[in-house]
Amino acid sequence: MMNTATTGLAAGMALGFAAYFGGFWAFLLVLVLGTVGLIVGLVVQGDLDLHARRQR
C-alpha cells in the first residue's frame, strides 16, 4: 500500500510530466481531474462525508 509521501511524489511527477509535455492547459487538466479523483476516492473510502457539509 502506498503511503502519503509516495502518493504525493507520484502526483507531483504526473503534474510535472503534464506541464512539460502538454503545457499549461494539460497541467491544469491533470490537476483538476486529480482533485476530483481524490474527492471521489475519499467519499468511496468513507473518509469524507459530503452530506455532513451541506447541513448548516
N, C-alpha and C. Protein backbone atom coordinates (compact mmCIF):
# COMPACT_ATOMS: atom_id res chain seq x y z
N MET A 1 0.84 -1.18 0.00
CA MET A 1 0.00 0.00 0.00
C MET A 1 0.89 1.25 0.00
N MET A 2 0.46 2.26 -0.71
CA MET A 2 1.25 3.48 -0.83
C MET A 2 1.01 4.39 0.37
N ASN A 3 2.09 4.98 0.88
CA ASN A 3 1.93 5.93 1.96
C ASN A 3 1.75 7.34 1.38
N THR A 4 1.58 8.31 2.23
CA THR A 4 1.28 9.67 1.80
C THR A 4 2.42 10.28 0.99
N ALA A 5 3.64 10.06 1.39
CA ALA A 5 4.78 10.63 0.68
C ALA A 5 4.90 10.05 -0.72
N THR A 6 4.68 8.75 -0.87
CA THR A 6 4.76 8.12 -2.18
C THR A 6 3.63 8.61 -3.10
N THR A 7 2.45 8.76 -2.54
CA THR A 7 1.32 9.27 -3.31
C THR A 7 1.58 10.70 -3.76
N GLY A 8 2.12 11.52 -2.88
CA GLY A 8 2.46 12.89 -3.23
C GLY A 8 3.53 12.97 -4.30
N LEU A 9 4.51 12.08 -4.21
CA LEU A 9 5.57 12.03 -5.22
C LEU A 9 5.00 11.65 -6.57
N ALA A 10 4.12 10.65 -6.61
CA ALA A 10 3.51 10.22 -7.88
C ALA A 10 2.65 11.33 -8.47
N ALA A 11 1.89 12.02 -7.64
CA ALA A 11 1.05 13.12 -8.12
C ALA A 11 1.91 14.26 -8.66
N GLY A 12 2.98 14.58 -7.97
CA GLY A 12 3.88 15.64 -8.43
C GLY A 12 4.56 15.29 -9.74
N MET A 13 4.95 14.04 -9.89
CA MET A 13 5.58 13.62 -11.14
C MET A 13 4.58 13.66 -12.30
N ALA A 14 3.34 13.24 -12.05
CA ALA A 14 2.31 13.30 -13.09
C ALA A 14 2.05 14.73 -13.52
N LEU A 15 1.97 15.65 -12.56
CA LEU A 15 1.77 17.06 -12.90
C LEU A 15 2.98 17.63 -13.64
N GLY A 16 4.16 17.22 -13.24
CA GLY A 16 5.36 17.68 -13.93
C GLY A 16 5.42 17.21 -15.37
N PHE A 17 5.10 15.93 -15.60
CA PHE A 17 5.07 15.42 -16.98
C PHE A 17 4.01 16.12 -17.81
N ALA A 18 2.84 16.35 -17.21
CA ALA A 18 1.77 17.04 -17.94
C ALA A 18 2.19 18.46 -18.31
N ALA A 19 2.85 19.15 -17.40
CA ALA A 19 3.29 20.52 -17.67
C ALA A 19 4.39 20.55 -18.73
N TYR A 20 5.31 19.59 -18.66
CA TYR A 20 6.43 19.58 -19.59
C TYR A 20 5.99 19.21 -21.01
N PHE A 21 5.21 18.14 -21.12
CA PHE A 21 4.85 17.64 -22.44
C PHE A 21 3.58 18.27 -23.00
N GLY A 22 2.67 18.73 -22.15
CA GLY A 22 1.39 19.23 -22.64
C GLY A 22 1.18 20.71 -22.47
N GLY A 23 2.02 21.36 -21.70
CA GLY A 23 1.85 22.78 -21.48
C GLY A 23 0.95 23.07 -20.28
N PHE A 24 0.61 24.33 -20.18
CA PHE A 24 -0.14 24.82 -19.03
C PHE A 24 -1.53 24.20 -18.93
N TRP A 25 -2.24 24.09 -20.05
CA TRP A 25 -3.61 23.57 -20.02
C TRP A 25 -3.65 22.10 -19.66
N ALA A 26 -2.68 21.34 -20.10
CA ALA A 26 -2.60 19.93 -19.71
C ALA A 26 -2.32 19.81 -18.22
N PHE A 27 -1.45 20.68 -17.71
CA PHE A 27 -1.16 20.72 -16.28
C PHE A 27 -2.43 20.99 -15.49
N LEU A 28 -3.19 21.98 -15.92
CA LEU A 28 -4.43 22.31 -15.23
C LEU A 28 -5.45 21.18 -15.30
N LEU A 29 -5.56 20.54 -16.45
CA LEU A 29 -6.49 19.42 -16.61
C LEU A 29 -6.12 18.27 -15.68
N VAL A 30 -4.85 17.93 -15.61
CA VAL A 30 -4.40 16.85 -14.72
C VAL A 30 -4.64 17.24 -13.26
N LEU A 31 -4.41 18.49 -12.92
CA LEU A 31 -4.63 18.95 -11.56
C LEU A 31 -6.10 18.86 -11.17
N VAL A 32 -6.98 19.31 -12.04
CA VAL A 32 -8.42 19.27 -11.74
C VAL A 32 -8.93 17.84 -11.67
N LEU A 33 -8.56 17.01 -12.64
CA LEU A 33 -9.02 15.63 -12.63
C LEU A 33 -8.44 14.85 -11.44
N GLY A 34 -7.22 15.16 -11.06
CA GLY A 34 -6.64 14.53 -9.88
C GLY A 34 -7.37 14.92 -8.61
N THR A 35 -7.78 16.17 -8.51
CA THR A 35 -8.53 16.62 -7.35
C THR A 35 -9.90 15.95 -7.29
N VAL A 36 -10.56 15.86 -8.44
CA VAL A 36 -11.86 15.18 -8.49
C VAL A 36 -11.69 13.71 -8.10
N GLY A 37 -10.66 13.07 -8.61
CA GLY A 37 -10.40 11.67 -8.26
C GLY A 37 -10.13 11.50 -6.77
N LEU A 38 -9.41 12.43 -6.19
CA LEU A 38 -9.13 12.37 -4.75
C LEU A 38 -10.42 12.49 -3.95
N ILE A 39 -11.28 13.42 -4.32
CA ILE A 39 -12.55 13.60 -3.60
C ILE A 39 -13.43 12.37 -3.74
N VAL A 40 -13.54 11.82 -4.94
CA VAL A 40 -14.34 10.62 -5.15
C VAL A 40 -13.77 9.45 -4.34
N GLY A 41 -12.46 9.31 -4.34
CA GLY A 41 -11.83 8.24 -3.58
C GLY A 41 -12.07 8.37 -2.09
N LEU A 42 -12.01 9.59 -1.56
CA LEU A 42 -12.26 9.80 -0.14
C LEU A 42 -13.71 9.52 0.22
N VAL A 43 -14.64 9.87 -0.68
CA VAL A 43 -16.05 9.58 -0.42
C VAL A 43 -16.29 8.08 -0.43
N VAL A 44 -15.75 7.37 -1.42
CA VAL A 44 -15.94 5.93 -1.50
C VAL A 44 -15.31 5.22 -0.31
N GLN A 45 -14.17 5.71 0.12
CA GLN A 45 -13.45 5.10 1.24
C GLN A 45 -14.15 5.39 2.57
N GLY A 46 -14.96 6.45 2.61
CA GLY A 46 -15.69 6.80 3.83
C GLY A 46 -15.01 7.84 4.68
N ASP A 47 -13.94 8.45 4.19
CA ASP A 47 -13.23 9.47 4.95
C ASP A 47 -13.80 10.87 4.76
N LEU A 48 -14.66 11.05 3.79
CA LEU A 48 -15.25 12.35 3.50
C LEU A 48 -16.75 12.18 3.34
N ASP A 49 -17.52 12.90 4.15
CA ASP A 49 -18.98 12.83 4.09
C ASP A 49 -19.50 14.15 3.54
N LEU A 50 -19.99 14.13 2.31
CA LEU A 50 -20.47 15.35 1.68
C LEU A 50 -21.81 15.80 2.24
N HIS A 51 -22.60 14.89 2.76
CA HIS A 51 -23.90 15.26 3.33
C HIS A 51 -23.74 16.05 4.61
N ALA A 52 -22.72 15.77 5.38
CA ALA A 52 -22.49 16.49 6.63
C ALA A 52 -22.09 17.94 6.35
N ARG A 53 -21.44 18.20 5.24
CA ARG A 53 -21.02 19.57 4.91
C ARG A 53 -22.19 20.41 4.42
N ARG A 54 -23.20 19.79 3.84
CA ARG A 54 -24.32 20.54 3.27
C ARG A 54 -25.26 21.05 4.35
N GLN A 55 -25.36 20.38 5.47
CA GLN A 55 -26.31 20.74 6.52
C GLN A 55 -25.67 21.74 7.48
N ARG A 56 -26.05 23.00 7.33
CA ARG A 56 -25.54 24.05 8.24
C ARG A 56 -26.68 24.84 8.80
